[in-house]
All heavy atoms as atom14 arrays in JSON, in Angstrom:
{
  "sequence": "TQFLLDRQQFDVFMVVFNGLDWAGHGYPCHDNDDEGVCLEVMQSID",
  "atom14_mask": [
    [1, 1, 1, 1, 1, 1, 1, 0, 0, 0, 0, 0, 0, 0],
    [1, 1, 1, 1, 1, 1, 1, 1, 1, 0, 0, 0, 0, 0],
    [1, 1, 1, 1, 1, 1, 1, 1, 1, 1, 1, 0, 0, 0],
    [1, 1, 1, 1, 1, 1, 1, 1, 0, 0, 0, 0, 0, 0],
    [1, 1, 1, 1, 1, 1, 1, 1, 0, 0, 0, 0, 0, 0],
    [1, 1, 1, 1, 1, 1, 1, 1, 0, 0, 0, 0, 0, 0],
    [1, 1, 1, 1, 1, 1, 1, 1, 1, 1, 1, 0, 0, 0],
    [1, 1, 1, 1, 1, 1, 1, 1, 1, 0, 0, 0, 0, 0],
    [1, 1, 1, 1, 1, 1, 1, 1, 1, 0, 0, 0, 0, 0],
    [1, 1, 1, 1, 1, 1, 1, 1, 1, 1, 1, 0, 0, 0],
    [1, 1, 1, 1, 1, 1, 1, 1, 0, 0, 0, 0, 0, 0],
    [1, 1, 1, 1, 1, 1, 1, 0, 0, 0, 0, 0, 0, 0],
    [1, 1, 1, 1, 1, 1, 1, 1, 1, 1, 1, 0, 0, 0],
    [1, 1, 1, 1, 1, 1, 1, 1, 0, 0, 0, 0, 0, 0],
    [1, 1, 1, 1, 1, 1, 1, 0, 0, 0, 0, 0, 0, 0],
    [1, 1, 1, 1, 1, 1, 1, 0, 0, 0, 0, 0, 0, 0],
    [1, 1, 1, 1, 1, 1, 1, 1, 1, 1, 1, 0, 0, 0],
    [1, 1, 1, 1, 1, 1, 1, 1, 0, 0, 0, 0, 0, 0],
    [1, 1, 1, 1, 0, 0, 0, 0, 0, 0, 0, 0, 0, 0],
    [1, 1, 1, 1, 1, 1, 1, 1, 0, 0, 0, 0, 0, 0],
    [1, 1, 1, 1, 1, 1, 1, 1, 0, 0, 0, 0, 0, 0],
    [1, 1, 1, 1, 1, 1, 1, 1, 1, 1, 1, 1, 1, 1],
    [1, 1, 1, 1, 1, 0, 0, 0, 0, 0, 0, 0, 0, 0],
    [1, 1, 1, 1, 0, 0, 0, 0, 0, 0, 0, 0, 0, 0],
    [1, 1, 1, 1, 1, 1, 1, 1, 1, 1, 0, 0, 0, 0],
    [1, 1, 1, 1, 0, 0, 0, 0, 0, 0, 0, 0, 0, 0],
    [1, 1, 1, 1, 1, 1, 1, 1, 1, 1, 1, 1, 0, 0],
    [1, 1, 1, 1, 1, 1, 1, 0, 0, 0, 0, 0, 0, 0],
    [1, 1, 1, 1, 1, 1, 0, 0, 0, 0, 0, 0, 0, 0],
    [1, 1, 1, 1, 1, 1, 1, 1, 1, 1, 0, 0, 0, 0],
    [1, 1, 1, 1, 1, 1, 1, 1, 0, 0, 0, 0, 0, 0],
    [1, 1, 1, 1, 1, 1, 1, 1, 0, 0, 0, 0, 0, 0],
    [1, 1, 1, 1, 1, 1, 1, 1, 0, 0, 0, 0, 0, 0],
    [1, 1, 1, 1, 1, 1, 1, 1, 0, 0, 0, 0, 0, 0],
    [1, 1, 1, 1, 1, 1, 1, 1, 1, 0, 0, 0, 0, 0],
    [1, 1, 1, 1, 0, 0, 0, 0, 0, 0, 0, 0, 0, 0],
    [1, 1, 1, 1, 1, 1, 1, 0, 0, 0, 0, 0, 0, 0],
    [1, 1, 1, 1, 1, 1, 0, 0, 0, 0, 0, 0, 0, 0],
    [1, 1, 1, 1, 1, 1, 1, 1, 0, 0, 0, 0, 0, 0],
    [1, 1, 1, 1, 1, 1, 1, 1, 1, 0, 0, 0, 0, 0],
    [1, 1, 1, 1, 1, 1, 1, 0, 0, 0, 0, 0, 0, 0],
    [1, 1, 1, 1, 1, 1, 1, 1, 0, 0, 0, 0, 0, 0],
    [1, 1, 1, 1, 1, 1, 1, 1, 1, 0, 0, 0, 0, 0],
    [1, 1, 1, 1, 1, 1, 0, 0, 0, 0, 0, 0, 0, 0],
    [1, 1, 1, 1, 1, 1, 1, 1, 0, 0, 0, 0, 0, 0],
    [1, 1, 1, 1, 1, 1, 1, 1, 0, 0, 0, 0, 0, 0]
  ],
  "atom14_positions": [
    [[104.88, 94.81, 112.86], [104.48, 95.7, 113.95], [103.87, 96.97, 113.39], [102.8, 97.43, 113.83], [105.68, 96.05, 114.83], [106.15, 94.86, 115.48], [105.32, 97.08, 115.89], [0.0, 0.0, 0.0], [0.0, 0.0, 0.0], [0.0, 0.0, 0.0], [0.0, 0.0, 0.0], [0.0, 0.0, 0.0], [0.0, 0.0, 0.0], [0.0, 0.0, 0.0]],
    [[104.54, 97.58, 112.42], [104.03, 98.81, 111.82], [102.68, 98.56, 111.15], [101.77, 99.39, 111.24], [105.04, 99.36, 110.8], [106.44, 99.62, 111.33], [106.51, 100.75, 112.36], [105.51, 101.34, 112.72], [107.72, 101.04, 112.83], [0.0, 0.0, 0.0], [0.0, 0.0, 0.0], [0.0, 0.0, 0.0], [0.0, 0.0, 0.0], [0.0, 0.0, 0.0]],
    [[102.54, 97.4, 110.5], [101.27, 97.04, 109.87], [100.14, 96.96, 110.9], [99.04, 97.5, 110.69], [101.42, 95.71, 109.13], [100.12, 95.08, 108.73], [99.38, 95.58, 107.67], [99.63, 93.96, 109.41], [98.17, 95.0, 107.31], [98.43, 93.38, 109.05], [97.69, 93.9, 107.99], [0.0, 0.0, 0.0], [0.0, 0.0, 0.0], [0.0, 0.0, 0.0]],
    [[100.39, 96.29, 112.01], [99.36, 96.13, 113.03], [99.03, 97.46, 113.72], [97.86, 97.72, 114.04], [99.79, 95.09, 114.06], [99.88, 93.65, 113.54], [100.43, 92.73, 114.62], [98.52, 93.15, 113.05], [0.0, 0.0, 0.0], [0.0, 0.0, 0.0], [0.0, 0.0, 0.0], [0.0, 0.0, 0.0], [0.0, 0.0, 0.0], [0.0, 0.0, 0.0]],
    [[100.04, 98.28, 113.95], [99.79, 99.58, 114.59], [99.02, 100.52, 113.65], [98.29, 101.39, 114.12], [101.11, 100.22, 115.03], [101.85, 99.5, 116.17], [103.16, 100.21, 116.46], [100.98, 99.43, 117.42], [0.0, 0.0, 0.0], [0.0, 0.0, 0.0], [0.0, 0.0, 0.0], [0.0, 0.0, 0.0], [0.0, 0.0, 0.0], [0.0, 0.0, 0.0]],
    [[99.19, 100.34, 112.35], [98.39, 101.1, 111.38], [96.98, 100.57, 111.31], [96.04, 101.31, 110.99], [99.03, 101.02, 109.99], [100.25, 101.91, 109.85], [100.37, 102.89, 110.62], [101.09, 101.62, 108.97], [0.0, 0.0, 0.0], [0.0, 0.0, 0.0], [0.0, 0.0, 0.0], [0.0, 0.0, 0.0], [0.0, 0.0, 0.0], [0.0, 0.0, 0.0]],
    [[96.83, 99.27, 111.59], [95.53, 98.6, 111.44], [94.54, 99.03, 112.51], [93.35, 99.21, 112.23], [95.75, 97.08, 111.52], [94.54, 96.2, 111.29], [94.96, 94.74, 111.38], [93.88, 93.82, 111.1], [93.01, 93.37, 112.01], [93.12, 93.77, 113.28], [92.05, 92.52, 111.68], [0.0, 0.0, 0.0], [0.0, 0.0, 0.0], [0.0, 0.0, 0.0]],
    [[95.02, 99.2, 113.74], [94.12, 99.57, 114.84], [94.91, 100.08, 116.03], [96.14, 99.98, 116.07], [93.26, 98.38, 115.26], [94.02, 97.25, 115.93], [93.16, 96.03, 116.17], [93.05, 95.18, 115.3], [92.54, 95.97, 117.34], [0.0, 0.0, 0.0], [0.0, 0.0, 0.0], [0.0, 0.0, 0.0], [0.0, 0.0, 0.0], [0.0, 0.0, 0.0]],
    [[94.2, 100.6, 117.03], [94.84, 101.05, 118.25], [94.77, 99.96, 119.31], [93.87, 99.12, 119.3], [94.16, 102.32, 118.77], [94.34, 103.52, 117.86], [93.84, 104.8, 118.5], [93.33, 104.81, 119.62], [93.99, 105.9, 117.79], [0.0, 0.0, 0.0], [0.0, 0.0, 0.0], [0.0, 0.0, 0.0], [0.0, 0.0, 0.0], [0.0, 0.0, 0.0]],
    [[95.74, 99.98, 120.23], [95.83, 99.0, 121.31], [96.13, 99.7, 122.62], [96.88, 100.68, 122.65], [96.94, 97.98, 121.03], [96.82, 97.24, 119.74], [97.53, 97.65, 118.62], [96.0, 96.14, 119.64], [97.43, 96.97, 117.42], [95.88, 95.44, 118.44], [96.6, 95.87, 117.32], [0.0, 0.0, 0.0], [0.0, 0.0, 0.0], [0.0, 0.0, 0.0]],
    [[95.58, 99.15, 123.69], [96.01, 99.6, 125.01], [97.42, 99.1, 125.31], [98.26, 99.83, 125.84], [95.04, 99.12, 126.09], [93.7, 99.83, 126.01], [93.67, 101.06, 126.12], [92.68, 99.14, 125.8], [0.0, 0.0, 0.0], [0.0, 0.0, 0.0], [0.0, 0.0, 0.0], [0.0, 0.0, 0.0], [0.0, 0.0, 0.0], [0.0, 0.0, 0.0]],
    [[97.68, 97.83, 124.97], [98.99, 97.21, 125.19], [99.39, 96.49, 123.91], [98.58, 95.77, 123.32], [98.95, 96.2, 126.37], [100.32, 95.56, 126.55], [98.51, 96.9, 127.65], [0.0, 0.0, 0.0], [0.0, 0.0, 0.0], [0.0, 0.0, 0.0], [0.0, 0.0, 0.0], [0.0, 0.0, 0.0], [0.0, 0.0, 0.0], [0.0, 0.0, 0.0]],
    [[100.64, 96.7, 123.5], [101.16, 95.98, 122.33], [102.51, 95.39, 122.68], [103.34, 96.04, 123.31], [101.32, 96.91, 121.12], [101.7, 96.18, 119.87], [100.71, 95.66, 119.04], [103.04, 95.99, 119.53], [101.05, 94.96, 117.88], [103.39, 95.29, 118.38], [102.39, 94.78, 117.55], [0.0, 0.0, 0.0], [0.0, 0.0, 0.0], [0.0, 0.0, 0.0]],
    [[102.72, 94.12, 122.25], [103.99, 93.44, 122.52], [104.51, 92.76, 121.26], [103.76, 92.09, 120.55], [103.83, 92.4, 123.63], [105.12, 91.67, 123.98], [104.9, 90.55, 125.4], [106.55, 89.88, 125.58], [0.0, 0.0, 0.0], [0.0, 0.0, 0.0], [0.0, 0.0, 0.0], [0.0, 0.0, 0.0], [0.0, 0.0, 0.0], [0.0, 0.0, 0.0]],
    [[105.8, 92.92, 120.99], [106.48, 92.23, 119.9], [107.78, 91.65, 120.44], [108.4, 92.24, 121.33], [106.76, 93.18, 118.71], [107.59, 94.37, 119.14], [107.46, 92.43, 117.57], [0.0, 0.0, 0.0], [0.0, 0.0, 0.0], [0.0, 0.0, 0.0], [0.0, 0.0, 0.0], [0.0, 0.0, 0.0], [0.0, 0.0, 0.0], [0.0, 0.0, 0.0]],
    [[108.17, 90.5, 119.93], [109.42, 89.85, 120.35], [110.31, 89.66, 119.13], [109.85, 89.19, 118.08], [109.16, 88.5, 121.04], [110.48, 87.75, 121.3], [108.43, 88.71, 122.37], [0.0, 0.0, 0.0], [0.0, 0.0, 0.0], [0.0, 0.0, 0.0], [0.0, 0.0, 0.0], [0.0, 0.0, 0.0], [0.0, 0.0, 0.0], [0.0, 0.0, 0.0]],
    [[111.6, 90.01, 119.28], [112.62, 89.78, 118.26], [113.48, 88.59, 118.67], [113.97, 88.54, 119.8], [113.49, 91.03, 118.08], [112.75, 92.21, 117.53], [112.25, 93.2, 118.37], [112.54, 92.34, 116.16], [111.56, 94.29, 117.86], [111.85, 93.42, 115.64], [111.35, 94.41, 116.49], [0.0, 0.0, 0.0], [0.0, 0.0, 0.0], [0.0, 0.0, 0.0]],
    [[113.7, 87.66, 117.74], [114.42, 86.42, 118.05], [115.85, 86.38, 117.54], [116.61, 85.46, 117.87], [113.69, 85.22, 117.45], [112.27, 85.08, 117.92], [111.34, 85.35, 117.16], [112.09, 84.69, 119.17], [0.0, 0.0, 0.0], [0.0, 0.0, 0.0], [0.0, 0.0, 0.0], [0.0, 0.0, 0.0], [0.0, 0.0, 0.0], [0.0, 0.0, 0.0]],
    [[116.25, 87.33, 116.7], [117.53, 87.22, 116.01], [118.73, 87.04, 116.91], [119.64, 86.26, 116.61], [0.0, 0.0, 0.0], [0.0, 0.0, 0.0], [0.0, 0.0, 0.0], [0.0, 0.0, 0.0], [0.0, 0.0, 0.0], [0.0, 0.0, 0.0], [0.0, 0.0, 0.0], [0.0, 0.0, 0.0], [0.0, 0.0, 0.0], [0.0, 0.0, 0.0]],
    [[118.77, 87.75, 118.03], [119.91, 87.65, 118.93], [120.03, 86.26, 119.52], [121.13, 85.72, 119.66], [119.82, 88.71, 120.03], [121.0, 88.74, 121.01], [122.3, 89.08, 120.28], [120.74, 89.76, 122.12], [0.0, 0.0, 0.0], [0.0, 0.0, 0.0], [0.0, 0.0, 0.0], [0.0, 0.0, 0.0], [0.0, 0.0, 0.0], [0.0, 0.0, 0.0]],
    [[118.9, 85.67, 119.87], [118.92, 84.32, 120.43], [119.43, 83.32, 119.39], [120.28, 82.46, 119.69], [117.51, 83.93, 120.9], [117.47, 82.54, 121.5], [117.86, 82.39, 122.66], [117.04, 81.6, 120.8], [0.0, 0.0, 0.0], [0.0, 0.0, 0.0], [0.0, 0.0, 0.0], [0.0, 0.0, 0.0], [0.0, 0.0, 0.0], [0.0, 0.0, 0.0]],
    [[118.92, 83.41, 118.17], [119.37, 82.5, 117.11], [120.87, 82.67, 116.87], [121.6, 81.69, 116.75], [118.6, 82.78, 115.82], [117.15, 82.47, 115.88], [116.54, 81.53, 116.69], [116.1, 83.07, 115.13], [115.18, 81.52, 116.47], [114.88, 82.46, 115.51], [116.05, 84.06, 114.16], [113.66, 82.81, 114.95], [114.84, 84.42, 113.6], [113.66, 83.8, 113.99]],
    [[121.32, 83.92, 116.78], [122.74, 84.17, 116.54], [123.6, 83.63, 117.68], [124.67, 83.05, 117.45], [122.99, 85.67, 116.37], [0.0, 0.0, 0.0], [0.0, 0.0, 0.0], [0.0, 0.0, 0.0], [0.0, 0.0, 0.0], [0.0, 0.0, 0.0], [0.0, 0.0, 0.0], [0.0, 0.0, 0.0], [0.0, 0.0, 0.0], [0.0, 0.0, 0.0]],
    [[123.14, 83.8, 118.91], [123.9, 83.34, 120.06], [124.06, 81.84, 120.12], [125.03, 81.33, 120.7], [0.0, 0.0, 0.0], [0.0, 0.0, 0.0], [0.0, 0.0, 0.0], [0.0, 0.0, 0.0], [0.0, 0.0, 0.0], [0.0, 0.0, 0.0], [0.0, 0.0, 0.0], [0.0, 0.0, 0.0], [0.0, 0.0, 0.0], [0.0, 0.0, 0.0]],
    [[123.12, 81.1, 119.54], [123.24, 79.64, 119.5], [124.3, 79.19, 118.49], [124.89, 78.12, 118.66], [121.9, 79.0, 119.14], [120.95, 78.91, 120.29], [121.1, 78.0, 121.31], [119.83, 79.62, 120.57], [120.11, 78.14, 122.19], [119.33, 79.13, 121.76], [0.0, 0.0, 0.0], [0.0, 0.0, 0.0], [0.0, 0.0, 0.0], [0.0, 0.0, 0.0]],
    [[124.54, 79.99, 117.47], [125.44, 79.57, 116.42], [126.79, 80.25, 116.39], [127.75, 79.73, 115.8], [0.0, 0.0, 0.0], [0.0, 0.0, 0.0], [0.0, 0.0, 0.0], [0.0, 0.0, 0.0], [0.0, 0.0, 0.0], [0.0, 0.0, 0.0], [0.0, 0.0, 0.0], [0.0, 0.0, 0.0], [0.0, 0.0, 0.0], [0.0, 0.0, 0.0]],
    [[126.89, 81.41, 117.06], [128.13, 82.17, 117.02], [128.51, 82.6, 118.43], [127.66, 83.09, 119.18], [127.96, 83.42, 116.14], [127.66, 83.11, 114.7], [126.34, 83.02, 114.25], [128.68, 82.88, 113.79], [126.05, 82.72, 112.93], [128.41, 82.59, 112.46], [127.08, 82.51, 112.04], [126.81, 82.21, 110.73], [0.0, 0.0, 0.0], [0.0, 0.0, 0.0]],
    [[129.76, 82.46, 118.8], [130.19, 82.88, 120.15], [130.23, 84.4, 120.27], [130.54, 85.1, 119.32], [131.59, 82.27, 120.28], [132.09, 82.2, 118.86], [130.88, 81.89, 118.01], [0.0, 0.0, 0.0], [0.0, 0.0, 0.0], [0.0, 0.0, 0.0], [0.0, 0.0, 0.0], [0.0, 0.0, 0.0], [0.0, 0.0, 0.0], [0.0, 0.0, 0.0]],
    [[129.9, 84.89, 121.44], [130.01, 86.31, 121.74], [131.16, 86.48, 122.73], [131.0, 86.19, 123.92], [128.71, 86.85, 122.33], [127.32, 86.84, 121.2], [0.0, 0.0, 0.0], [0.0, 0.0, 0.0], [0.0, 0.0, 0.0], [0.0, 0.0, 0.0], [0.0, 0.0, 0.0], [0.0, 0.0, 0.0], [0.0, 0.0, 0.0], [0.0, 0.0, 0.0]],
    [[132.31, 86.91, 122.25], [133.48, 87.05, 123.1], [133.53, 88.44, 123.73], [132.92, 89.38, 123.24], [134.76, 86.81, 122.3], [134.83, 85.44, 121.68], [134.9, 84.29, 122.43], [134.83, 85.05, 120.38], [134.93, 83.24, 121.62], [134.9, 83.67, 120.38], [0.0, 0.0, 0.0], [0.0, 0.0, 0.0], [0.0, 0.0, 0.0], [0.0, 0.0, 0.0]],
    [[134.31, 88.56, 124.8], [134.43, 89.84, 125.48], [134.99, 90.93, 124.58], [134.71, 92.1, 124.77], [135.32, 89.7, 126.72], [134.62, 88.95, 127.85], [133.4, 88.79, 127.75], [135.3, 88.54, 128.79], [0.0, 0.0, 0.0], [0.0, 0.0, 0.0], [0.0, 0.0, 0.0], [0.0, 0.0, 0.0], [0.0, 0.0, 0.0], [0.0, 0.0, 0.0]],
    [[135.8, 90.55, 123.6], [136.4, 91.55, 122.72], [135.75, 91.55, 121.34], [136.32, 92.02, 120.36], [137.9, 91.31, 122.56], [138.2, 89.93, 121.98], [137.29, 89.12, 121.82], [139.46, 89.69, 121.66], [0.0, 0.0, 0.0], [0.0, 0.0, 0.0], [0.0, 0.0, 0.0], [0.0, 0.0, 0.0], [0.0, 0.0, 0.0], [0.0, 0.0, 0.0]],
    [[134.54, 90.99, 121.26], [133.88, 90.81, 119.98], [133.02, 92.03, 119.66], [131.82, 92.05, 119.88], [133.01, 89.55, 120.01], [132.38, 89.25, 118.67], [132.78, 89.88, 117.68], [131.48, 88.41, 118.62], [0.0, 0.0, 0.0], [0.0, 0.0, 0.0], [0.0, 0.0, 0.0], [0.0, 0.0, 0.0], [0.0, 0.0, 0.0], [0.0, 0.0, 0.0]],
    [[133.66, 93.09, 119.13], [132.93, 94.3, 118.77], [132.38, 94.25, 117.35], [131.6, 95.1, 116.96], [133.83, 95.54, 118.91], [133.84, 96.06, 120.34], [133.1, 95.51, 121.18], [134.57, 97.01, 120.59], [0.0, 0.0, 0.0], [0.0, 0.0, 0.0], [0.0, 0.0, 0.0], [0.0, 0.0, 0.0], [0.0, 0.0, 0.0], [0.0, 0.0, 0.0]],
    [[132.82, 93.3, 116.55], [132.39, 93.23, 115.16], [131.72, 91.9, 114.85], [131.58, 91.53, 113.69], [133.6, 93.44, 114.22], [134.37, 94.71, 114.47], [133.55, 95.96, 114.25], [132.59, 95.93, 113.46], [133.87, 96.99, 114.89], [0.0, 0.0, 0.0], [0.0, 0.0, 0.0], [0.0, 0.0, 0.0], [0.0, 0.0, 0.0], [0.0, 0.0, 0.0]],
    [[131.3, 91.18, 115.87], [130.77, 89.84, 115.67], [129.32, 89.83, 115.24], [128.63, 90.85, 115.21], [0.0, 0.0, 0.0], [0.0, 0.0, 0.0], [0.0, 0.0, 0.0], [0.0, 0.0, 0.0], [0.0, 0.0, 0.0], [0.0, 0.0, 0.0], [0.0, 0.0, 0.0], [0.0, 0.0, 0.0], [0.0, 0.0, 0.0], [0.0, 0.0, 0.0]],
    [[128.86, 88.62, 114.93], [127.49, 88.43, 114.45], [126.48, 88.86, 115.5], [125.47, 89.51, 115.19], [127.28, 86.96, 114.05], [125.81, 86.68, 113.76], [128.12, 86.62, 112.83], [0.0, 0.0, 0.0], [0.0, 0.0, 0.0], [0.0, 0.0, 0.0], [0.0, 0.0, 0.0], [0.0, 0.0, 0.0], [0.0, 0.0, 0.0], [0.0, 0.0, 0.0]],
    [[126.71, 88.49, 116.77], [125.75, 88.84, 117.82], [125.55, 90.35, 117.92], [124.41, 90.83, 118.01], [126.21, 88.28, 119.16], [126.18, 86.48, 119.27], [0.0, 0.0, 0.0], [0.0, 0.0, 0.0], [0.0, 0.0, 0.0], [0.0, 0.0, 0.0], [0.0, 0.0, 0.0], [0.0, 0.0, 0.0], [0.0, 0.0, 0.0], [0.0, 0.0, 0.0]],
    [[126.64, 91.09, 117.91], [126.53, 92.55, 117.99], [125.84, 93.11, 116.76], [124.98, 94.0, 116.87], [127.91, 93.18, 118.15], [127.95, 94.72, 118.12], [127.05, 95.31, 119.2], [129.38, 95.22, 118.27], [0.0, 0.0, 0.0], [0.0, 0.0, 0.0], [0.0, 0.0, 0.0], [0.0, 0.0, 0.0], [0.0, 0.0, 0.0], [0.0, 0.0, 0.0]],
    [[126.17, 92.6, 115.6], [125.55, 93.09, 114.37], [124.03, 92.89, 114.4], [123.25, 93.78, 114.03], [126.14, 92.37, 113.16], [125.68, 92.91, 111.82], [126.36, 92.22, 110.64], [127.31, 91.42, 110.87], [125.93, 92.47, 109.5], [0.0, 0.0, 0.0], [0.0, 0.0, 0.0], [0.0, 0.0, 0.0], [0.0, 0.0, 0.0], [0.0, 0.0, 0.0]],
    [[123.61, 91.73, 114.87], [122.18, 91.44, 114.96], [121.52, 92.33, 116.02], [120.43, 92.88, 115.81], [121.95, 89.95, 115.28], [120.48, 89.68, 115.59], [122.41, 89.09, 114.11], [0.0, 0.0, 0.0], [0.0, 0.0, 0.0], [0.0, 0.0, 0.0], [0.0, 0.0, 0.0], [0.0, 0.0, 0.0], [0.0, 0.0, 0.0], [0.0, 0.0, 0.0]],
    [[122.19, 92.51, 117.16], [121.62, 93.34, 118.21], [121.51, 94.8, 117.78], [120.56, 95.5, 118.14], [122.47, 93.22, 119.49], [121.88, 93.97, 120.69], [120.22, 93.39, 121.14], [119.45, 94.94, 121.63], [0.0, 0.0, 0.0], [0.0, 0.0, 0.0], [0.0, 0.0, 0.0], [0.0, 0.0, 0.0], [0.0, 0.0, 0.0], [0.0, 0.0, 0.0]],
    [[122.45, 95.28, 117.0], [122.37, 96.65, 116.51], [121.18, 96.83, 115.57], [120.54, 97.89, 115.56], [123.67, 97.04, 115.81], [124.82, 97.29, 116.78], [126.09, 97.7, 116.08], [126.6, 96.98, 115.2], [126.64, 98.84, 116.45], [0.0, 0.0, 0.0], [0.0, 0.0, 0.0], [0.0, 0.0, 0.0], [0.0, 0.0, 0.0], [0.0, 0.0, 0.0]],
    [[120.86, 95.81, 114.81], [119.67, 95.9, 113.94], [118.4, 95.93, 114.8], [117.46, 96.66, 114.49], [119.63, 94.73, 112.96], [119.27, 93.51, 113.58], [0.0, 0.0, 0.0], [0.0, 0.0, 0.0], [0.0, 0.0, 0.0], [0.0, 0.0, 0.0], [0.0, 0.0, 0.0], [0.0, 0.0, 0.0], [0.0, 0.0, 0.0], [0.0, 0.0, 0.0]],
    [[118.38, 95.14, 115.88], [117.23, 95.17, 116.78], [117.11, 96.55, 117.43], [116.0, 97.08, 117.61], [117.36, 94.07, 117.85], [117.27, 92.69, 117.19], [116.29, 94.21, 118.93], [117.53, 91.53, 118.14], [0.0, 0.0, 0.0], [0.0, 0.0, 0.0], [0.0, 0.0, 0.0], [0.0, 0.0, 0.0], [0.0, 0.0, 0.0], [0.0, 0.0, 0.0]],
    [[118.24, 97.14, 117.77], [118.23, 98.48, 118.36], [117.59, 99.48, 117.4], [116.83, 100.36, 117.82], [119.67, 98.9, 118.7], [119.73, 100.2, 119.46], [119.26, 100.25, 120.61], [120.23, 101.19, 118.88], [0.0, 0.0, 0.0], [0.0, 0.0, 0.0], [0.0, 0.0, 0.0], [0.0, 0.0, 0.0], [0.0, 0.0, 0.0], [0.0, 0.0, 0.0]]
  ]
}
């Protein structure tokens, strides 16, 4: 994303992050899961 934004200007730019979806398929996200894989991945996306 940073490379493309340095390359040129855009009226509209869109990027998609997949990590949370991949993690959710392989690891459960429980109601009390504050230290789980899903949260860790989502914090990196944040």
